């Protein structure tokens, strides 16, 4: 079963171009409170706390759309593993009548994760009431 899952993940990474490689000589970055990750569109995820049970808290700041440039509360879950871990987090966009949830696998080697997301708008069911996409988030250097 594990071999089959590994093959599926490898195929998905090749098909989506999601292969992330660590820079030579770069130290591993384990998921931790206080880290900030930035996506290619400028969206930022800041991890405030990771509870003993894996519960995440923090903020997400988007650069576009409703709620742009205003940090929004985030909650989610992180399940660590030797090479990284699985994470999911959600935001209720204040005043925007919408919610977004991201699901990803984190890599200690690259300090990044490729996330799939779904945004749902609070309204009567519409053909475009749920939007989906993908983002790559990369850890930012900590400020000293």
Protein backbone atom coordinates (compact mmCIF):
# COMPACT_ATOMS: atom_id res chain seq x y z
CA UNK A 1 0.00 0.00 0.00
CA UNK A 2 2.76 2.47 0.92
CA UNK A 3 4.57 1.77 -2.36
CA UNK A 4 1.37 2.49 -4.30
CA UNK A 5 0.82 5.77 -2.42
CA UNK A 6 4.44 6.76 -3.04
CA UNK A 7 4.04 6.11 -6.78
CA UNK A 8 0.82 8.16 -6.89
CA UNK A 9 2.47 11.06 -5.06
CA UNK A 10 5.53 10.92 -7.33
CA UNK A 11 3.32 10.89 -10.44
CA UNK A 12 1.24 13.80 -9.12
CA UNK A 13 4.39 15.79 -8.41
CA UNK A 14 5.69 15.20 -11.93
CA UNK A 15 2.34 16.09 -13.52
CA UNK A 16 1.92 19.29 -11.49
CA UNK A 17 5.55 20.36 -11.58
CA UNK A 18 5.59 20.29 -7.80
CA UNK A 19 9.05 18.86 -7.41
CA UNK A 20 10.84 21.00 -4.83
CA UNK A 21 14.56 20.52 -4.34
CA UNK A 22 16.67 21.74 -1.43
CA UNK A 23 19.41 24.24 -2.17
CA UNK A 24 22.93 22.77 -1.81
CA UNK A 25 24.31 23.24 1.70
CA UNK A 26 20.97 24.49 3.02
CA UNK A 27 20.03 23.33 6.49
CA UNK A 28 16.67 21.65 7.02
CA UNK A 29 13.83 23.84 8.25
CA UNK A 30 11.35 22.05 10.47
CA UNK A 31 7.83 23.43 10.80
CA UNK A 32 7.76 25.61 13.92
CA UNK A 33 5.93 28.48 15.59
CA UNK A 34 7.25 31.87 14.50
CA UNK A 35 7.87 30.91 10.87
CA UNK A 36 6.41 32.91 7.98
CA UNK A 37 5.86 31.40 4.53
CA UNK A 38 5.24 33.44 1.37
CA UNK A 39 3.52 32.20 -1.79
CA UNK A 40 4.35 33.23 -5.34
CA UNK A 41 1.39 35.66 -5.34
CA UNK A 42 2.69 37.40 -2.19
CA UNK A 43 0.22 35.78 0.23
CA UNK A 44 1.81 35.19 3.63
CA UNK A 45 1.14 32.48 6.22
CA UNK A 46 2.52 33.15 9.71
CA UNK A 47 2.52 30.30 12.23
CA UNK A 48 1.84 31.67 15.71
CA UNK A 49 1.58 28.38 17.58
CA UNK A 50 1.66 24.63 17.04
CA UNK A 51 -0.11 22.88 19.91
CA UNK A 52 0.99 19.56 21.39
CA UNK A 53 -1.93 17.96 19.49
CA UNK A 54 -0.80 19.56 16.20
CA UNK A 55 -3.32 22.39 16.15
CA UNK A 56 -2.02 25.41 14.22
CA UNK A 57 -2.90 29.04 14.86
CA UNK A 58 -1.65 32.12 13.08
CA UNK A 59 -2.58 34.48 10.27
CA UNK A 60 -2.88 34.55 6.49
CA UNK A 61 -2.49 37.81 4.60
CA UNK A 62 -3.54 37.90 0.95
CA UNK A 63 -2.42 40.57 -1.51
CA UNK A 64 -5.59 40.62 -3.64
CA UNK A 65 -9.35 40.40 -3.37
CA UNK A 66 -11.60 40.97 -0.40
CA UNK A 67 -9.60 41.39 2.82
CA UNK A 68 -6.35 42.15 0.95
CA UNK A 69 -3.35 43.14 3.07
CA UNK A 70 -5.25 42.56 6.34
CA UNK A 71 -3.95 39.61 8.41
CA UNK A 72 -6.82 37.17 8.92
CA UNK A 73 -6.93 34.57 11.72
CA UNK A 74 -5.96 31.06 10.60
CA UNK A 75 -6.51 27.74 12.29
CA UNK A 76 -5.47 24.30 11.16
CA UNK A 77 -3.57 21.10 11.86
CA UNK A 78 -0.04 19.84 11.37
CA UNK A 79 1.01 16.20 11.56
CA UNK A 80 4.83 15.94 11.63
CA UNK A 81 6.92 13.19 10.05
CA UNK A 82 10.67 12.62 9.70
CA UNK A 83 10.90 14.42 6.32
CA UNK A 84 8.25 17.10 6.97
CA UNK A 85 4.58 16.55 7.55
CA UNK A 86 0.98 17.02 6.47
CA UNK A 87 -0.85 20.26 7.12
CA UNK A 88 -4.23 21.84 6.53
CA UNK A 89 -5.39 25.31 7.50
CA UNK A 90 -8.45 27.50 6.99
CA UNK A 91 -9.37 31.18 7.01
CA UNK A 92 -12.80 32.77 7.48
CA UNK A 93 -12.28 36.01 5.49
CA UNK A 94 -13.73 38.70 7.76
CA UNK A 95 -16.40 40.74 5.98
CA UNK A 96 -15.94 38.79 2.74
CA UNK A 97 -18.58 36.07 3.11
CA UNK A 98 -16.08 33.39 2.13
CA UNK A 99 -13.75 30.76 3.55
CA UNK A 100 -10.59 29.17 2.17
CA UNK A 101 -8.94 25.88 3.13
CA UNK A 102 -5.44 24.74 2.11
CA UNK A 103 -4.08 21.17 2.27
CA UNK A 104 -0.39 20.37 1.78
CA UNK A 105 2.68 18.27 2.48
CA UNK A 106 5.58 20.16 4.08
CA UNK A 107 9.22 19.39 3.26
CA UNK A 108 11.93 19.97 5.88
CA UNK A 109 14.54 19.73 3.10
CA UNK A 110 13.13 22.65 1.09
CA UNK A 111 11.37 24.65 3.81
CA UNK A 112 8.36 24.80 1.53
CA UNK A 113 5.05 23.22 0.67
CA UNK A 114 2.80 23.02 -2.38
CA UNK A 115 -0.80 23.50 -1.28
CA UNK A 116 -4.11 22.83 -2.95
CA UNK A 117 -6.81 25.27 -1.90
CA UNK A 118 -10.56 25.71 -2.15
CA UNK A 119 -12.41 28.99 -1.61
CA UNK A 120 -16.16 28.83 -1.02
CA UNK A 121 -18.46 31.86 -1.20
CA UNK A 122 -21.47 32.13 1.13
CA UNK A 123 -24.41 32.46 -1.28
CA UNK A 124 -27.07 30.43 -2.98
CA UNK A 125 -25.34 27.58 -4.88
CA UNK A 126 -23.64 28.98 -7.98
CA UNK A 127 -21.71 27.28 -10.76
CA UNK A 128 -18.66 29.33 -9.69
CA UNK A 129 -19.34 29.44 -5.93
CA UNK A 130 -16.28 27.28 -5.19
CA UNK A 131 -12.90 28.13 -6.66
CA UNK A 132 -9.79 25.91 -6.47
CA UNK A 133 -6.11 26.37 -7.11
CA UNK A 134 -2.57 25.62 -6.00
CA UNK A 135 0.18 27.67 -4.39
CA UNK A 136 3.77 27.05 -3.35
CA UNK A 137 4.73 28.56 0.02
CA UNK A 138 8.42 29.09 0.90
CA UNK A 139 9.75 29.81 4.39
CA UNK A 140 11.15 33.29 4.86
CA UNK A 141 14.39 33.95 6.74
CA UNK A 142 13.74 34.79 10.38
CA UNK A 143 14.52 38.38 11.35
CA UNK A 144 17.19 38.76 13.99
